[in-house]
Amino acid sequence: MTDKKRIVYRVIFVHQDKVYEVFCREVTQSDMHGFIELGGFIFGERSQVVVDPGEEKLKSEFSGVKRSYVPMHRVLRIDEMDKEGVAKVRDHTGKGEVTPFPAPPRPSGRS
């Protein structure tokens, strides 16, 4: 087997008023319309003396997950990286950082 460089993606998305920043090996457009498929999650596999509680929370949340499907309109950014970083989750203020892609208007309940 050839010793080729393994690609790492950083994916930042919003879920339930939180901003998730995760690292994974696979990012593809899903067969389910409107979703991005994430696979091969990476969480601090190397030996570390200091444990980040935020990363540990994400590691347990994604424990046993083979693939995750994120709605396209919730993805803020996808970067191809040289190496993985620290996964994190933070509160989403909804102000200033990124303007979400406009969603289609909801139909009113009026006739």
PDB file of N, CA and C in Angstrom:
ATOM      1  N   MET A   1       0.844  -1.185   0.000  1.00  0.00           N
ATOM      2  CA  MET A   1       0.000   0.000   0.000  1.00  0.00           C
ATOM      3  C   MET A   1       0.886   1.244   0.000  1.00  0.00           C
ATOM      4  N   THR A   2       0.561   2.215  -0.776  1.00  0.00           N
ATOM      5  CA  THR A   2       1.337   3.433  -0.880  1.00  0.00           C
ATOM      6  C   THR A   2       1.115   4.310   0.339  1.00  0.00           C
ATOM      7  N   ASP A   3       2.191   4.973   0.764  1.00  0.00           N
ATOM      8  CA  ASP A   3       2.094   5.876   1.904  1.00  0.00           C
ATOM      9  C   ASP A   3       1.709   7.252   1.393  1.00  0.00           C
ATOM     10  N   LYS A   4       0.425   7.433   1.051  1.00  0.00           N
ATOM     11  CA  LYS A   4      -0.007   8.718   0.530  1.00  0.00           C
ATOM     12  C   LYS A   4      -0.627   9.555   1.652  1.00  0.00           C
ATOM     13  N   LYS A   5      -0.589  10.841   1.455  1.00  0.00           N
ATOM     14  CA  LYS A   5      -1.120  11.781   2.446  1.00  0.00           C
ATOM     15  C   LYS A   5      -2.623  11.572   2.604  1.00  0.00           C
ATOM     16  N   ARG A   6      -3.072  11.491   3.848  1.00  0.00           N
ATOM     17  CA  ARG A   6      -4.496  11.321   4.121  1.00  0.00           C
ATOM     18  C   ARG A   6      -5.139  12.695   4.242  1.00  0.00           C
ATOM     19  N   ILE A   7      -6.201  12.885   3.513  1.00  0.00           N
ATOM     20  CA  ILE A   7      -6.894  14.173   3.501  1.00  0.00           C
ATOM     21  C   ILE A   7      -7.710  14.337   4.775  1.00  0.00           C
ATOM     22  N   VAL A   8      -7.675  15.548   5.322  1.00  0.00           N
ATOM     23  CA  VAL A   8      -8.448  15.895   6.502  1.00  0.00           C
ATOM     24  C   VAL A   8      -9.283  17.127   6.172  1.00  0.00           C
ATOM     25  N   TYR A   9     -10.566  17.079   6.522  1.00  0.00           N
ATOM     26  CA  TYR A   9     -11.456  18.215   6.311  1.00  0.00           C
ATOM     27  C   TYR A   9     -11.898  18.774   7.655  1.00  0.00           C
ATOM     28  N   ARG A  10     -11.939  20.098   7.736  1.00  0.00           N
ATOM     29  CA  ARG A  10     -12.555  20.770   8.887  1.00  0.00           C
ATOM     30  C   ARG A  10     -13.923  21.244   8.396  1.00  0.00           C
ATOM     31  N   VAL A  11     -14.967  20.821   9.096  1.00  0.00           N
ATOM     32  CA  VAL A  11     -16.331  21.195   8.715  1.00  0.00           C
ATOM     33  C   VAL A  11     -16.947  21.967   9.882  1.00  0.00           C
ATOM     34  N   ILE A  12     -17.448  23.157   9.571  1.00  0.00           N
ATOM     35  CA  ILE A  12     -18.089  23.989  10.587  1.00  0.00           C
ATOM     36  C   ILE A  12     -19.561  24.114  10.201  1.00  0.00           C
ATOM     37  N   PHE A  13     -20.434  23.736  11.145  1.00  0.00           N
ATOM     38  CA  PHE A  13     -21.868  23.793  10.875  1.00  0.00           C
ATOM     39  C   PHE A  13     -22.626  24.151  12.138  1.00  0.00           C
ATOM     40  N   VAL A  14     -23.871  24.583  11.957  1.00  0.00           N
ATOM     41  CA  VAL A  14     -24.732  24.974  13.072  1.00  0.00           C
ATOM     42  C   VAL A  14     -25.759  23.875  13.310  1.00  0.00           C
ATOM     43  N   HIS A  15     -25.936  23.535  14.596  1.00  0.00           N
ATOM     44  CA  HIS A  15     -26.944  22.538  14.985  1.00  0.00           C
ATOM     45  C   HIS A  15     -27.484  22.933  16.354  1.00  0.00           C
ATOM     46  N   GLN A  16     -28.779  23.159  16.454  1.00  0.00           N
ATOM     47  CA  GLN A  16     -29.464  23.497  17.704  1.00  0.00           C
ATOM     48  C   GLN A  16     -28.771  24.633  18.458  1.00  0.00           C
ATOM     49  N   ASP A  17     -28.591  25.760  17.787  1.00  0.00           N
ATOM     50  CA  ASP A  17     -27.985  26.968  18.360  1.00  0.00           C
ATOM     51  C   ASP A  17     -26.557  26.777  18.859  1.00  0.00           C
ATOM     52  N   LYS A  18     -25.861  25.793  18.327  1.00  0.00           N
ATOM     53  CA  LYS A  18     -24.451  25.565  18.637  1.00  0.00           C
ATOM     54  C   LYS A  18     -23.685  25.516  17.321  1.00  0.00           C
ATOM     55  N   VAL A  19     -22.445  25.981  17.343  1.00  0.00           N
ATOM     56  CA  VAL A  19     -21.567  25.885  16.181  1.00  0.00           C
ATOM     57  C   VAL A  19     -20.605  24.732  16.431  1.00  0.00           C
ATOM     58  N   TYR A  20     -20.668  23.748  15.556  1.00  0.00           N
ATOM     59  CA  TYR A  20     -19.801  22.574  15.656  1.00  0.00           C
ATOM     60  C   TYR A  20     -18.628  22.743  14.696  1.00  0.00           C
ATOM     61  N   GLU A  21     -17.440  22.428  15.163  1.00  0.00           N
ATOM     62  CA  GLU A  21     -16.247  22.382  14.316  1.00  0.00           C
ATOM     63  C   GLU A  21     -15.669  20.986  14.480  1.00  0.00           C
ATOM     64  N   VAL A  22     -15.793  20.172  13.441  1.00  0.00           N
ATOM     65  CA  VAL A  22     -15.338  18.783  13.503  1.00  0.00           C
ATOM     66  C   VAL A  22     -14.330  18.520  12.390  1.00  0.00           C
ATOM     67  N   PHE A  23     -13.536  17.484  12.586  1.00  0.00           N
ATOM     68  CA  PHE A  23     -12.552  17.072  11.595  1.00  0.00           C
ATOM     69  C   PHE A  23     -12.910  15.666  11.141  1.00  0.00           C
ATOM     70  N   CYS A  24     -12.862  15.450   9.823  1.00  0.00           N
ATOM     71  CA  CYS A  24     -13.212  14.145   9.281  1.00  0.00           C
ATOM     72  C   CYS A  24     -12.415  13.873   8.003  1.00  0.00           C
ATOM     73  N   ARG A  25     -12.444  12.628   7.591  1.00  0.00           N
ATOM     74  CA  ARG A  25     -11.700  12.204   6.403  1.00  0.00           C
ATOM     75  C   ARG A  25     -12.545  12.231   5.132  1.00  0.00           C
ATOM     76  N   GLU A  26     -13.877  12.209   5.281  1.00  0.00           N
ATOM     77  CA  GLU A  26     -14.755  12.140   4.113  1.00  0.00           C
ATOM     78  C   GLU A  26     -15.836  13.209   4.180  1.00  0.00           C
ATOM     79  N   VAL A  27     -15.975  13.956   3.093  1.00  0.00           N
ATOM     80  CA  VAL A  27     -17.052  14.933   2.939  1.00  0.00           C
ATOM     81  C   VAL A  27     -17.580  14.777   1.517  1.00  0.00           C
ATOM     82  N   THR A  28     -18.855  14.431   1.401  1.00  0.00           N
ATOM     83  CA  THR A  28     -19.442  14.255   0.077  1.00  0.00           C
ATOM     84  C   THR A  28     -20.861  14.800   0.067  1.00  0.00           C
ATOM     85  N   GLN A  29     -21.362  15.055  -1.137  1.00  0.00           N
ATOM     86  CA  GLN A  29     -22.761  15.423  -1.275  1.00  0.00           C
ATOM     87  C   GLN A  29     -23.562  14.140  -1.118  1.00  0.00           C
ATOM     88  N   SER A  30     -24.543  14.164  -0.253  1.00  0.00           N
ATOM     89  CA  SER A  30     -25.324  12.972   0.046  1.00  0.00           C
ATOM     90  C   SER A  30     -26.304  12.662  -1.083  1.00  0.00           C
ATOM     91  N   ASP A  31     -26.720  11.406  -1.146  1.00  0.00           N
ATOM     92  CA  ASP A  31     -27.785  11.011  -2.061  1.00  0.00           C
ATOM     93  C   ASP A  31     -29.121  11.591  -1.607  1.00  0.00           C
ATOM     94  N   MET A  32     -29.207  11.934  -0.311  1.00  0.00           N
ATOM     95  CA  MET A  32     -30.407  12.601   0.205  1.00  0.00           C
ATOM     96  C   MET A  32     -30.309  14.069  -0.194  1.00  0.00           C
ATOM     97  N   HIS A  33     -31.242  14.539  -0.968  1.00  0.00           N
ATOM     98  CA  HIS A  33     -31.213  15.897  -1.489  1.00  0.00           C
ATOM     99  C   HIS A  33     -31.078  16.935  -0.375  1.00  0.00           C
ATOM    100  N   GLY A  34     -30.090  17.830  -0.516  1.00  0.00           N
ATOM    101  CA  GLY A  34     -29.919  18.930   0.417  1.00  0.00           C
ATOM    102  C   GLY A  34     -29.053  18.632   1.624  1.00  0.00           C
ATOM    103  N   PHE A  35     -28.356  17.493   1.629  1.00  0.00           N
ATOM    104  CA  PHE A  35     -27.527  17.122   2.765  1.00  0.00           C
ATOM    105  C   PHE A  35     -26.070  16.906   2.343  1.00  0.00           C
ATOM    106  N   ILE A  36     -25.157  17.199   3.272  1.00  0.00           N
ATOM    107  CA  ILE A  36     -23.737  16.892   3.127  1.00  0.00           C
ATOM    108  C   ILE A  36     -23.462  15.682   4.022  1.00  0.00           C
ATOM    109  N   GLU A  37     -22.734  14.712   3.497  1.00  0.00           N
ATOM    110  CA  GLU A  37     -22.429  13.491   4.235  1.00  0.00           C
ATOM    111  C   GLU A  37     -21.011  13.582   4.802  1.00  0.00           C
ATOM    112  N   LEU A  38     -20.876  13.385   6.109  1.00  0.00           N
ATOM    113  CA  LEU A  38     -19.583  13.416   6.783  1.00  0.00           C
ATOM    114  C   LEU A  38     -19.260  12.027   7.298  1.00  0.00           C
ATOM    115  N   GLY A  39     -18.017  11.604   7.140  1.00  0.00           N
ATOM    116  CA  GLY A  39     -17.596  10.295   7.625  1.00  0.00           C
ATOM    117  C   GLY A  39     -16.148  10.301   8.054  1.00  0.00           C
ATOM    118  N   GLY A  40     -15.751   9.300   8.815  1.00  0.00           N
ATOM    119  CA  GLY A  40     -14.370   9.177   9.266  1.00  0.00           C
ATOM    120  C   GLY A  40     -13.969  10.279  10.233  1.00  0.00           C
ATOM    121  N   PHE A  41     -14.779  10.494  11.266  1.00  0.00           N
ATOM    122  CA  PHE A  41     -14.508  11.549  12.237  1.00  0.00           C
ATOM    123  C   PHE A  41     -13.175  11.323  12.943  1.00  0.00           C
ATOM    124  N   ILE A  42     -12.476  12.427  13.238  1.00  0.00           N
ATOM    125  CA  ILE A  42     -11.170  12.377  13.888  1.00  0.00           C
ATOM    126  C   ILE A  42     -11.261  13.163  15.192  1.00  0.00           C
ATOM    127  N   PHE A  43     -10.927  12.509  16.295  1.00  0.00           N
ATOM    128  CA  PHE A  43     -10.920  13.159  17.604  1.00  0.00           C
ATOM    129  C   PHE A  43      -9.654  12.792  18.347  1.00  0.00           C
ATOM    130  N   GLY A  44      -8.742  13.724  18.520  1.00  0.00           N
ATOM    131  CA  GLY A  44      -7.546  13.579  19.350  1.00  0.00           C
ATOM    132  C   GLY A  44      -7.068  12.166  19.584  1.00  0.00           C
ATOM    133  N   GLU A  45      -6.853  11.416  18.527  1.00  0.00           N
ATOM    134  CA  GLU A  45      -6.422  10.023  18.649  1.00  0.00           C
ATOM    135  C   GLU A  45      -5.010   9.898  19.213  1.00  0.00           C
ATOM    136  N   ARG A  46      -4.203  10.884  18.948  1.00  0.00           N
ATOM    137  CA  ARG A  46      -2.825  10.797  19.431  1.00  0.00           C
ATOM    138  C   ARG A  46      -2.797  10.983  20.942  1.00  0.00           C
ATOM    139  N   SER A  47      -1.756  10.480  21.583  1.00  0.00           N
ATOM    140  CA  SER A  47      -1.677  10.573  23.042  1.00  0.00           C
ATOM    141  C   SER A  47      -1.492  12.027  23.456  1.00  0.00           C
ATOM    142  N   GLN A  48      -2.286  12.433  24.427  1.00  0.00           N
ATOM    143  CA  GLN A  48      -2.242  13.802  24.911  1.00  0.00           C
ATOM    144  C   GLN A  48      -2.193  13.790  26.429  1.00  0.00           C
ATOM    145  N   VAL A  49      -1.424  14.723  26.972  1.00  0.00           N
ATOM    146  CA  VAL A  49      -1.381  14.861  28.414  1.00  0.00           C
ATOM    147  C   VAL A  49      -2.579  15.679  28.882  1.00  0.00           C
ATOM    148  N   VAL A  50      -2.917  16.720  28.131  1.00  0.00           N
ATOM    149  CA  VAL A  50      -4.045  17.580  28.477  1.00  0.00           C
ATOM    150  C   VAL A  50      -5.271  17.135  27.688  1.00  0.00           C
ATOM    151  N   VAL A  51      -6.388  16.944  28.379  1.00  0.00           N
ATOM    152  CA  VAL A  51      -7.629  16.525  27.732  1.00  0.00           C
ATOM    153  C   VAL A  51      -8.557  17.736  27.655  1.00  0.00           C
ATOM    154  N   ASP A  52      -9.064  18.017  26.463  1.00  0.00           N
ATOM    155  CA  ASP A  52      -9.990  19.124  26.246  1.00  0.00           C
ATOM    156  C   ASP A  52     -11.406  18.616  26.492  1.00  0.00           C
ATOM    157  N   PRO A  53     -12.105  19.151  27.518  1.00  0.00           N
ATOM    158  CA  PRO A  53     -13.458  18.654  27.811  1.00  0.00           C
ATOM    159  C   PRO A  53     -14.446  18.875  26.669  1.00  0.00           C
ATOM    160  N   GLY A  54     -14.280  19.958  25.906  1.00  0.00           N
ATOM    161  CA  GLY A  54     -15.159  20.209  24.761  1.00  0.00           C
ATOM    162  C   GLY A  54     -15.010  19.138  23.707  1.00  0.00           C
ATOM    163  N   GLU A  55     -13.751  18.765  23.427  1.00  0.00           N
ATOM    164  CA  GLU A  55     -13.509  17.718  22.434  1.00  0.00           C
ATOM    165  C   GLU A  55     -14.007  16.367  22.950  1.00  0.00           C
ATOM    166  N   GLU A  56     -13.854  16.118  24.232  1.00  0.00           N
ATOM    167  CA  GLU A  56     -14.335  14.860  24.805  1.00  0.00           C
ATOM    168  C   GLU A  56     -15.861  14.756  24.702  1.00  0.00           C
ATOM    169  N   LYS A  57     -16.558  15.894  24.876  1.00  0.00           N
ATOM    170  CA  LYS A  57     -18.017  15.907  24.744  1.00  0.00           C
ATOM    171  C   LYS A  57     -18.418  15.548  23.313  1.00  0.00           C
ATOM    172  N   LEU A  58     -17.737  16.155  22.340  1.00  0.00           N
ATOM    173  CA  LEU A  58     -18.030  15.841  20.935  1.00  0.00           C
ATOM    174  C   LEU A  58     -17.687  14.395  20.610  1.00  0.00           C
ATOM    175  N   LYS A  59     -16.579  13.930  21.145  1.00  0.00           N
ATOM    176  CA  LYS A  59     -16.163  12.545  20.902  1.00  0.00           C
ATOM    177  C   LYS A  59     -17.236  11.571  21.393  1.00  0.00           C
ATOM    178  N   SER A  60     -17.797  11.853  22.565  1.00  0.00           N
ATOM    179  CA  SER A  60     -18.848  10.962  23.079  1.00  0.00           C
ATOM    180  C   SER A  60     -20.146  11.137  22.288  1.00  0.00           C
ATOM    181  N   GLU A  61     -20.451  12.366  21.828  1.00  0.00           N
ATOM    182  CA  GLU A  61     -21.664  12.599  21.043  1.00  0.00           C
ATOM    183  C   GLU A  61     -21.616  11.856  19.712  1.00  0.00           C
ATOM    184  N   PHE A  62     -20.425  11.778  19.102  1.00  0.00           N
ATOM    185  CA  PHE A  62     -20.280  11.115  17.808  1.00  0.00           C
ATOM    186  C   PHE A  62     -19.773   9.672  17.947  1.00  0.00           C
ATOM    187  N   SER A  63     -19.729   9.169  19.154  1.00  0.00           N
ATOM    188  CA  SER A  63     -19.286   7.797  19.390  1.00  0.00           C
ATOM    189  C   SER A  63     -20.211   6.824  18.663  1.00  0.00           C
ATOM    190  N   GLY A  64     -19.638   5.948  17.883  1.00  0.00           N
ATOM    191  CA  GLY A  64     -20.423   4.956  17.149  1.00  0.00           C
ATOM    192  C   GLY A  64     -21.058   5.474  15.873  1.00  0.00           C
ATOM    193  N   VAL A  65     -20.872   6.745  15.553  1.00  0.00           N
ATOM    194  CA  VAL A  65     -21.448   7.319  14.336  1.00  0.00           C
ATOM    195  C   VAL A  65     -20.520   7.021  13.159  1.00  0.00           C
ATOM    196  N   LYS A  66     -21.032   6.328  12.158  1.00  0.00           N
ATOM    197  CA  LYS A  66     -20.245   6.044  10.960  1.00  0.00           C
ATOM    198  C   LYS A  66     -20.343   7.200   9.976  1.00  0.00           C
ATOM    199  N   ARG A  67     -21.556   7.711   9.807  1.00  0.00           N
ATOM    200  CA  ARG A  67     -21.820   8.815   8.879  1.00  0.00           C
ATOM    201  C   ARG A  67     -22.791   9.775   9.539  1.00  0.00           C
ATOM    202  N   SER A  68     -22.613  11.043   9.256  1.00  0.00           N
ATOM    203  CA  SER A  68     -23.535  12.053   9.738  1.00  0.00           C
ATOM    204  C   SER A  68     -23.990  12.871   8.537  1.00  0.00           C
ATOM    205  N   TYR A  69     -25.254  13.224   8.512  1.00  0.00           N
ATOM    206  CA  TYR A  69     -25.827  13.978   7.408  1.00  0.00           C
ATOM    207  C   TYR A  69     -26.243  15.349   7.921  1.00  0.00           C
ATOM    208  N   VAL A  70     -25.619  16.382   7.380  1.00  0.00           N
ATOM    209  CA  VAL A  70     -25.858  17.749   7.814  1.00  0.00           C
ATOM    210  C   VAL A  70     -26.561  18.503   6.690  1.00  0.00           C
ATOM    211  N   PRO A  71     -27.667  19.191   6.994  1.00  0.00           N
ATOM    212  CA  PRO A  71     -28.338  19.963   5.947  1.00  0.00           C
ATOM    213  C   PRO A  71     -27.390  21.010   5.358  1.00  0.00           C
ATOM    214  N   MET A  72     -27.368  21.123   4.026  1.00  0.00           N
ATOM    215  CA  MET A  72     -26.458  22.058   3.350  1.00  0.00           C
ATOM    216  C   MET A  72     -26.574  23.472   3.886  1.00  0.00           C
ATOM    217  N   HIS A  73     -27.793  23.900   4.172  1.00  0.00           N
ATOM    218  CA  HIS A  73     -27.979  25.285   4.604  1.00  0.00           C
ATOM    219  C   HIS A  73     -27.476  25.543   6.017  1.00  0.00           C
ATOM    220  N   ARG A  74     -27.054  24.495   6.736  1.00  0.00           N
ATOM    221  CA  ARG A  74     -26.497  24.658   8.080  1.00  0.00           C
ATOM    222  C   ARG A  74     -24.970  24.639   8.068  1.00  0.00           C
ATOM    223  N   VAL A  75     -24.363  24.296   6.928  1.00  0.00           N
ATOM    224  CA  VAL A  75     -22.900  24.255   6.817  1.00  0.00           C
ATOM    225  C   VAL A  75     -22.380  25.672   6.596  1.00  0.00           C
ATOM    226  N   LEU A  76     -21.439  26.086   7.442  1.00  0.00           N
ATOM    227  CA  LEU A  76     -20.859  27.408   7.322  1.00  0.00           C
ATOM    228  C   LEU A  76     -19.583  27.395   6.490  1.00  0.00           C
ATOM    229  N   ARG A  77     -18.816  26.300   6.628  1.00  0.00           N
ATOM    230  CA  ARG A  77     -17.526  26.269   5.945  1.00  0.00           C
ATOM    231  C   ARG A  77     -16.977  24.848   5.912  1.00  0.00           C
ATOM    232  N   ILE A  78     -16.274  24.523   4.822  1.00  0.00           N
ATOM    233  CA  ILE A  78     -15.551  23.255   4.704  1.00  0.00           C
ATOM    234  C   ILE A  78     -14.149  23.589   4.216  1.00  0.00           C
ATOM    235  N   ASP A  79     -13.131  23.159   4.966  1.00  0.00           N
ATOM    236  CA  ASP A  79     -11.735  23.416   4.611  1.00  0.00           C
ATOM    237  C   ASP A  79     -10.979  22.105   4.495  1.00  0.00           C
ATOM    238  N   GLU A  80     -10.126  21.982   3.476  1.00  0.00           N
ATOM    239  CA  GLU A  80      -9.204  20.853   3.398  1.00  0.00           C
ATOM    240  C   GLU A  80      -7.959  21.273   4.152  1.00  0.00           C
ATOM    241  N   MET A  81      -7.541  20.472   5.121  1.00  0.00           N
ATOM    242  CA  MET A  81      -6.451  20.837   6.034  1.00  0.00           C
ATOM    243  C   MET A  81      -5.226  19.950   5.820  1.00  0.00           C
ATOM    244  N   ASP A  82      -4.089  20.443   6.274  1.00  0.00           N
ATOM    245  CA  ASP A  82      -2.864  19.640   6.259  1.00  0.00           C
ATOM    246  C   ASP A  82      -2.883  18.602   7.375  1.00  0.00           C
ATOM    247  N   LYS A  83      -3.477  18.969   8.512  1.00  0.00           N
ATOM    248  CA  LYS A  83      -3.573  18.039   9.642  1.00  0.00           C
ATOM    249  C   LYS A  83      -4.803  18.399  10.458  1.00  0.00           C
ATOM    250  N   GLU A  84      -5.243  17.446  11.287  1.00  0.00           N
ATOM    251  CA  GLU A  84      -6.426  17.696  12.099  1.00  0.00           C
ATOM    252  C   GLU A  84      -6.110  18.654  13.240  1.00  0.00           C
ATOM    253  N   GLY A  85      -7.157  19.250  13.767  1.00  0.00           N
ATOM    254  CA  GLY A  85      -7.040  20.152  14.903  1.00  0.00           C
ATOM    255  C   GLY A  85      -7.933  19.659  16.021  1.00  0.00           C
ATOM    256  N   VAL A  86      -8.305  20.565  16.890  1.00  0.00           N
ATOM    257  CA  VAL A  86      -9.147  20.214  18.028  1.00  0.00           C
ATOM    258  C   VAL A  86     -10.604  20.477  17.676  1.00  0.00           C
ATOM    259  N   ALA A  87     -11.427  19.455  17.777  1.00  0.00           N
ATOM    260  CA  ALA A  87     -12.860  19.604  17.531  1.00  0.00           C
ATOM    261  C   ALA A  87     -13.460  20.410  18.672  1.00  0.00           C
ATOM    262  N   LYS A  88     -14.455  21.236  18.357  1.00  0.00           N
ATOM    263  CA  LYS A  88     -15.071  22.048  19.405  1.00  0.00           C
ATOM    264  C   LYS A  88     -16.518  22.363  19.076  1.00  0.00           C
ATOM    265  N   VAL A  89     -17.236  22.749  20.099  1.00  0.00           N
ATOM    266  CA  VAL A  89     -18.614  23.197  19.955  1.00  0.00           C
ATOM    267  C   VAL A  89     -18.748  24.456  20.809  1.00  0.00           C
ATOM    268  N   ARG A  90     -19.427  25.459  20.258  1.00  0.00           N
ATOM    269  CA  ARG A  90     -19.608  26.716  20.992  1.00  0.00           C
ATOM    270  C   ARG A  90     -21.006  27.254  20.715  1.00  0.00           C
ATOM    271  N   ASP A  91     -21.432  28.177  21.540  1.00  0.00           N
ATOM    272  CA  ASP A  91     -22.745  28.800  21.346  1.00  0.00           C
ATOM    273  C   ASP A  91     -22.740  29.615  20.068  1.00  0.00           C
ATOM    274  N   HIS A  92     -23.871  29.594  19.383  1.00  0.00           N
ATOM    275  CA  HIS A  92     -24.034  30.370  18.154  1.00  0.00           C
ATOM    276  C   HIS A  92     -24.793  31.636  18.496  1.00  0.00           C
ATOM    277  N   THR A  93     -24.109  32.766  18.371  1.00  0.00           N
ATOM    278  CA  THR A  93     -24.749  34.035  18.720  1.00  0.00           C
ATOM    279  C   THR A  93     -25.689  34.488  17.633  1.00  0.00           C
ATOM    280  N   GLY A  94     -25.434  34.052  16.400  1.00  0.00           N
ATOM    281  CA  GLY A  94     -26.282  34.462  15.290  1.00  0.00           C
ATOM    282  C   GLY A  94     -26.003  35.883  14.832  1.00  0.00           C
ATOM    283  N   LYS A  95     -24.964  36.498  15.395  1.00  0.00           N
ATOM    284  CA  LYS A  95     -24.651  37.885  15.043  1.00  0.00           C
ATOM    285  C   LYS A  95     -23.269  37.958  14.398  1.00  0.00           C
ATOM    286  N   GLY A  96     -23.205  38.663  13.281  1.00  0.00           N
ATOM    287  CA  GLY A  96     -21.944  39.089  12.711  1.00  0.00           C
ATOM    288  C   GLY A  96     -21.062  38.073  12.034  1.00  0.00           C
ATOM    289  N   GLU A  97     -20.887  36.884  12.578  1.00  0.00           N
ATOM    290  CA  GLU A  97     -19.883  35.970  12.053  1.00  0.00           C
ATOM    291  C   GLU A  97     -20.184  35.546  10.617  1.00  0.00           C
ATOM    292  N   VAL A  98     -21.329  34.958  10.391  1.00  0.00           N
ATOM    293  CA  VAL A  98     -21.690  34.464   9.068  1.00  0.00           C
ATOM    294  C   VAL A  98     -23.177  34.727   8.846  1.00  0.00           C
ATOM    295  N   THR A  99     -23.510  35.197   7.675  1.00  0.00           N
ATOM    296  CA  THR A  99     -24.909  35.377   7.334  1.00  0.00           C
ATOM    297  C   THR A  99     -25.427  34.079   6.738  1.00  0.00           C
ATOM    298  N   PRO A 100     -26.463  33.481   7.336  1.00  0.00           N
ATOM    299  CA  PRO A 100     -26.967  32.215   6.800  1.00  0.00           C
ATOM    300  C   PRO A 100     -27.596  32.403   5.424  1.00  0.00           C
ATOM    301  N   PHE A 101     -27.540  31.365   4.629  1.00  0.00           N
ATOM    302  CA  PHE A 101     -28.157  31.369   3.316  1.00  0.00           C
ATOM    303  C   PHE A 101     -29.660  31.493   3.507  1.00  0.00           C
ATOM    304  N   PRO A 102     -30.310  32.381   2.778  1.00  0.00           N
ATOM    305  CA  PRO A 102     -31.744  32.570   3.014  1.00  0.00           C
ATOM    306  C   PRO A 102     -32.559  31.319   2.693  1.00  0.00           C
ATOM    307  N   ALA A 103     -33.461  31.008   3.606  1.00  0.00           N
ATOM    308  CA  ALA A 103     -34.353  29.862   3.414  1.00  0.00           C
ATOM    309  C   ALA A 103     -35.605  30.337   2.681  1.00  0.00           C
ATOM    310  N   PRO A 104     -36.268  29.451   1.959  1.00  0.00           N
ATOM    311  CA  PRO A 104     -37.501  29.859   1.265  1.00  0.00           C
ATOM    312  C   PRO A 104     -38.550  30.270   2.297  1.00  0.00           C
ATOM    313  N   PRO A 105     -39.392  31.226   1.955  1.00  0.00           N
ATOM    314  CA  PRO A 105     -40.406  31.674   2.921  1.00  0.00           C
ATOM    315  C   PRO A 105     -41.386  30.557   3.244  1.00  0.00           C
ATOM    316  N   ARG A 106     -41.801  30.537   4.483  1.00  0.00           N
ATOM    317  CA  ARG A 106     -42.788  29.543   4.896  1.00  0.00           C
ATOM    318  C   ARG A 106     -44.169  29.978   4.462  1.00  0.00           C
ATOM    319  N   PRO A 107     -44.962  29.036   4.000  1.00  0.00           N
ATOM    320  CA  PRO A 107     -46.337  29.414   3.616  1.00  0.00           C
ATOM    321  C   PRO A 107     -47.132  29.784   4.857  1.00  0.00           C
ATOM    322  N   SER A 108     -47.928  30.823   4.741  1.00  0.00           N
ATOM    323  CA  SER A 108     -48.746  31.222   5.878  1.00  0.00           C
ATOM    324  C   SER A 108     -49.945  30.281   5.981  1.00  0.00           C
ATOM    325  N   GLY A 109     -50.510  30.196   7.166  1.00  0.00           N
ATOM    326  CA  GLY A 109     -51.642  29.310   7.383  1.00  0.00           C
ATOM    327  C   GLY A 109     -52.954  29.903   6.919  1.00  0.00           C
ATOM    328  N   ARG A 110     -52.873  31.080   6.320  1.00  0.00           N
ATOM    329  CA  ARG A 110     -54.105  31.757   5.879  1.00  0.00           C
ATOM    330  C   ARG A 110     -54.502  31.313   4.467  1.00  0.00           C
ATOM    331  N   SER A 111     -55.778  31.337   4.203  1.00  0.00           N
ATOM    332  CA  SER A 111     -56.297  30.973   2.871  1.00  0.00           C
ATOM    333  C   SER A 111     -56.478  32.178   2.005  1.00  0.00           C
TER     334      SER A 111
END
